[in-house]
Amino acid sequence: MTVSDILNEIHNENVEIEIYKALSEWMILDRQQNIVKLARCKSTIRAINKIANNNPNKKEALDGIINLCN
């Protein structure tokens, strides 16, 4: 079944609004999950930056970064 076939079937069954609502909810949920993931990544990058810049011993800083990434 092609996309055109699916769209024609949706139209024939008059379920455009239901499909629109379902797709909208999926898009909102996906966006919300991506925002949460991005926030976690930014927090990790900030932590790595602090470890790297605030530790005078670069070996310890690198060990701290490796531990954080694990």
N, C-alpha and C. Protein backbone atom coordinates (compact mmCIF):
# COMPACT_ATOMS: atom_id res chain seq x y z
N MET A 1 0.85 -1.18 0.00
CA MET A 1 0.00 0.00 0.00
C MET A 1 0.90 1.24 0.00
N THR A 2 0.61 2.16 -0.89
CA THR A 2 1.41 3.39 -0.99
C THR A 2 0.83 4.46 -0.07
N VAL A 3 1.59 5.52 0.10
CA VAL A 3 1.11 6.64 0.91
C VAL A 3 -0.16 7.22 0.30
N SER A 4 -0.17 7.33 -1.02
CA SER A 4 -1.38 7.84 -1.70
C SER A 4 -2.59 6.96 -1.43
N ASP A 5 -2.38 5.65 -1.43
CA ASP A 5 -3.48 4.72 -1.14
C ASP A 5 -3.99 4.94 0.28
N ILE A 6 -3.06 5.10 1.21
CA ILE A 6 -3.45 5.32 2.61
C ILE A 6 -4.21 6.62 2.76
N LEU A 7 -3.72 7.68 2.13
CA LEU A 7 -4.40 8.98 2.21
C LEU A 7 -5.79 8.91 1.58
N ASN A 8 -5.91 8.23 0.46
CA ASN A 8 -7.22 8.08 -0.17
C ASN A 8 -8.17 7.30 0.73
N GLU A 9 -7.67 6.27 1.39
CA GLU A 9 -8.51 5.48 2.30
C GLU A 9 -8.95 6.33 3.49
N ILE A 10 -8.03 7.13 4.03
CA ILE A 10 -8.38 8.04 5.13
C ILE A 10 -9.49 8.98 4.69
N HIS A 11 -9.35 9.52 3.49
CA HIS A 11 -10.37 10.44 2.97
C HIS A 11 -11.69 9.72 2.73
N ASN A 12 -11.62 8.54 2.17
CA ASN A 12 -12.85 7.78 1.89
C ASN A 12 -13.60 7.43 3.17
N GLU A 13 -12.88 7.19 4.24
CA GLU A 13 -13.50 6.84 5.52
C GLU A 13 -13.86 8.07 6.36
N ASN A 14 -13.54 9.25 5.86
CA ASN A 14 -13.82 10.52 6.55
C ASN A 14 -13.24 10.55 7.97
N VAL A 15 -11.98 10.13 8.08
CA VAL A 15 -11.33 10.13 9.40
C VAL A 15 -10.14 11.10 9.44
N GLU A 16 -10.18 12.12 8.59
CA GLU A 16 -9.08 13.09 8.52
C GLU A 16 -8.81 13.75 9.87
N ILE A 17 -9.86 14.14 10.56
CA ILE A 17 -9.70 14.84 11.84
C ILE A 17 -9.07 13.91 12.88
N GLU A 18 -9.53 12.68 12.93
CA GLU A 18 -8.97 11.72 13.88
C GLU A 18 -7.48 11.47 13.59
N ILE A 19 -7.15 11.34 12.32
CA ILE A 19 -5.75 11.13 11.93
C ILE A 19 -4.93 12.37 12.27
N TYR A 20 -5.46 13.54 11.99
CA TYR A 20 -4.77 14.79 12.30
C TYR A 20 -4.48 14.89 13.81
N LYS A 21 -5.47 14.57 14.62
CA LYS A 21 -5.29 14.62 16.07
C LYS A 21 -4.21 13.64 16.53
N ALA A 22 -4.25 12.42 16.01
CA ALA A 22 -3.27 11.41 16.40
C ALA A 22 -1.86 11.83 15.99
N LEU A 23 -1.71 12.31 14.77
CA LEU A 23 -0.40 12.74 14.30
C LEU A 23 0.10 13.95 15.09
N SER A 24 -0.79 14.87 15.41
CA SER A 24 -0.41 16.04 16.21
C SER A 24 0.08 15.63 17.59
N GLU A 25 -0.62 14.70 18.21
CA GLU A 25 -0.19 14.22 19.53
C GLU A 25 1.17 13.54 19.45
N TRP A 26 1.39 12.75 18.41
CA TRP A 26 2.69 12.09 18.25
C TRP A 26 3.80 13.12 18.07
N MET A 27 3.54 14.14 17.26
CA MET A 27 4.55 15.18 17.02
C MET A 27 4.87 15.94 18.30
N ILE A 28 3.86 16.26 19.07
CA ILE A 28 4.08 16.98 20.34
C ILE A 28 4.87 16.11 21.30
N LEU A 29 4.52 14.85 21.41
CA LEU A 29 5.23 13.93 22.29
C LEU A 29 6.70 13.77 21.86
N ASP A 30 6.92 13.60 20.56
CA ASP A 30 8.29 13.49 20.05
C ASP A 30 9.10 14.74 20.36
N ARG A 31 8.50 15.90 20.16
CA ARG A 31 9.19 17.17 20.45
C ARG A 31 9.52 17.27 21.93
N GLN A 32 8.59 16.90 22.78
CA GLN A 32 8.79 16.94 24.21
C GLN A 32 9.94 16.02 24.62
N GLN A 33 9.98 14.83 24.06
CA GLN A 33 11.05 13.88 24.36
C GLN A 33 12.40 14.40 23.87
N ASN A 34 12.43 15.05 22.72
CA ASN A 34 13.67 15.61 22.20
C ASN A 34 14.17 16.76 23.07
N ILE A 35 13.27 17.57 23.60
CA ILE A 35 13.65 18.66 24.48
C ILE A 35 14.27 18.13 25.76
N VAL A 36 13.69 17.07 26.32
CA VAL A 36 14.23 16.46 27.53
C VAL A 36 15.62 15.89 27.26
N LYS A 37 15.77 15.21 26.13
CA LYS A 37 17.06 14.63 25.76
C LYS A 37 18.11 15.73 25.58
N LEU A 38 17.74 16.80 24.93
CA LEU A 38 18.65 17.92 24.71
C LEU A 38 19.09 18.53 26.04
N ALA A 39 18.15 18.68 26.97
CA ALA A 39 18.48 19.24 28.28
C ALA A 39 19.49 18.35 29.01
N ARG A 40 19.32 17.04 28.92
CA ARG A 40 20.27 16.12 29.55
C ARG A 40 21.65 16.25 28.91
N CYS A 41 21.68 16.35 27.61
CA CYS A 41 22.97 16.48 26.90
C CYS A 41 23.66 17.78 27.28
N LYS A 42 22.91 18.87 27.35
CA LYS A 42 23.50 20.15 27.72
C LYS A 42 24.04 20.11 29.14
N SER A 43 23.34 19.44 30.04
CA SER A 43 23.81 19.31 31.43
C SER A 43 25.11 18.53 31.48
N THR A 44 25.20 17.49 30.70
CA THR A 44 26.43 16.68 30.66
C THR A 44 27.59 17.51 30.12
N ILE A 45 27.36 18.27 29.08
CA ILE A 45 28.41 19.10 28.50
C ILE A 45 28.87 20.16 29.50
N ARG A 46 27.94 20.76 30.22
CA ARG A 46 28.31 21.75 31.24
C ARG A 46 29.15 21.10 32.34
N ALA A 47 28.77 19.91 32.76
CA ALA A 47 29.52 19.20 33.80
C ALA A 47 30.92 18.87 33.32
N ILE A 48 31.05 18.42 32.10
CA ILE A 48 32.36 18.11 31.54
C ILE A 48 33.22 19.37 31.48
N ASN A 49 32.63 20.45 31.07
CA ASN A 49 33.35 21.73 31.00
C ASN A 49 33.85 22.15 32.38
N LYS A 50 33.00 22.03 33.39
CA LYS A 50 33.42 22.38 34.75
C LYS A 50 34.54 21.49 35.24
N ILE A 51 34.43 20.19 34.99
CA ILE A 51 35.48 19.26 35.42
C ILE A 51 36.80 19.62 34.73
N ALA A 52 36.74 19.89 33.44
CA ALA A 52 37.96 20.18 32.67
C ALA A 52 38.59 21.50 33.10
N ASN A 53 37.79 22.51 33.36
CA ASN A 53 38.33 23.85 33.64
C ASN A 53 38.64 24.10 35.11
N ASN A 54 37.98 23.39 36.01
CA ASN A 54 38.16 23.67 37.44
C ASN A 54 39.15 22.73 38.13
N ASN A 55 39.70 21.80 37.40
CA ASN A 55 40.64 20.87 38.00
C ASN A 55 42.04 21.16 37.46
N PRO A 56 42.98 21.57 38.32
CA PRO A 56 44.32 21.90 37.85
C PRO A 56 45.09 20.67 37.36
N ASN A 57 44.73 19.50 37.86
CA ASN A 57 45.40 18.27 37.44
C ASN A 57 44.63 17.70 36.24
N LYS A 58 45.22 17.80 35.06
CA LYS A 58 44.53 17.40 33.83
C LYS A 58 44.26 15.89 33.79
N LYS A 59 45.13 15.10 34.38
CA LYS A 59 44.89 13.64 34.43
C LYS A 59 43.64 13.35 35.25
N GLU A 60 43.51 14.00 36.42
CA GLU A 60 42.31 13.81 37.25
C GLU A 60 41.07 14.34 36.53
N ALA A 61 41.23 15.45 35.83
CA ALA A 61 40.10 16.00 35.08
C ALA A 61 39.64 15.02 34.01
N LEU A 62 40.59 14.44 33.30
CA LEU A 62 40.24 13.48 32.26
C LEU A 62 39.59 12.24 32.86
N ASP A 63 40.10 11.78 34.00
CA ASP A 63 39.49 10.63 34.69
C ASP A 63 38.06 10.97 35.11
N GLY A 64 37.84 12.17 35.62
CA GLY A 64 36.49 12.60 36.01
C GLY A 64 35.54 12.64 34.84
N ILE A 65 36.03 13.13 33.71
CA ILE A 65 35.19 13.19 32.50
C ILE A 65 34.84 11.79 32.04
N ILE A 66 35.82 10.89 32.05
CA ILE A 66 35.57 9.50 31.63
C ILE A 66 34.53 8.85 32.55
N ASN A 67 34.67 9.08 33.85
CA ASN A 67 33.71 8.51 34.81
C ASN A 67 32.31 9.06 34.58
N LEU A 68 32.22 10.34 34.29
CA LEU A 68 30.91 10.96 34.04
C LEU A 68 30.27 10.36 32.79
N CYS A 69 31.06 10.10 31.77
CA CYS A 69 30.53 9.58 30.52
C CYS A 69 30.12 8.12 30.62
N ASN A 70 30.70 7.41 31.60
CA ASN A 70 30.32 6.01 31.78
C ASN A 70 29.01 5.96 32.52
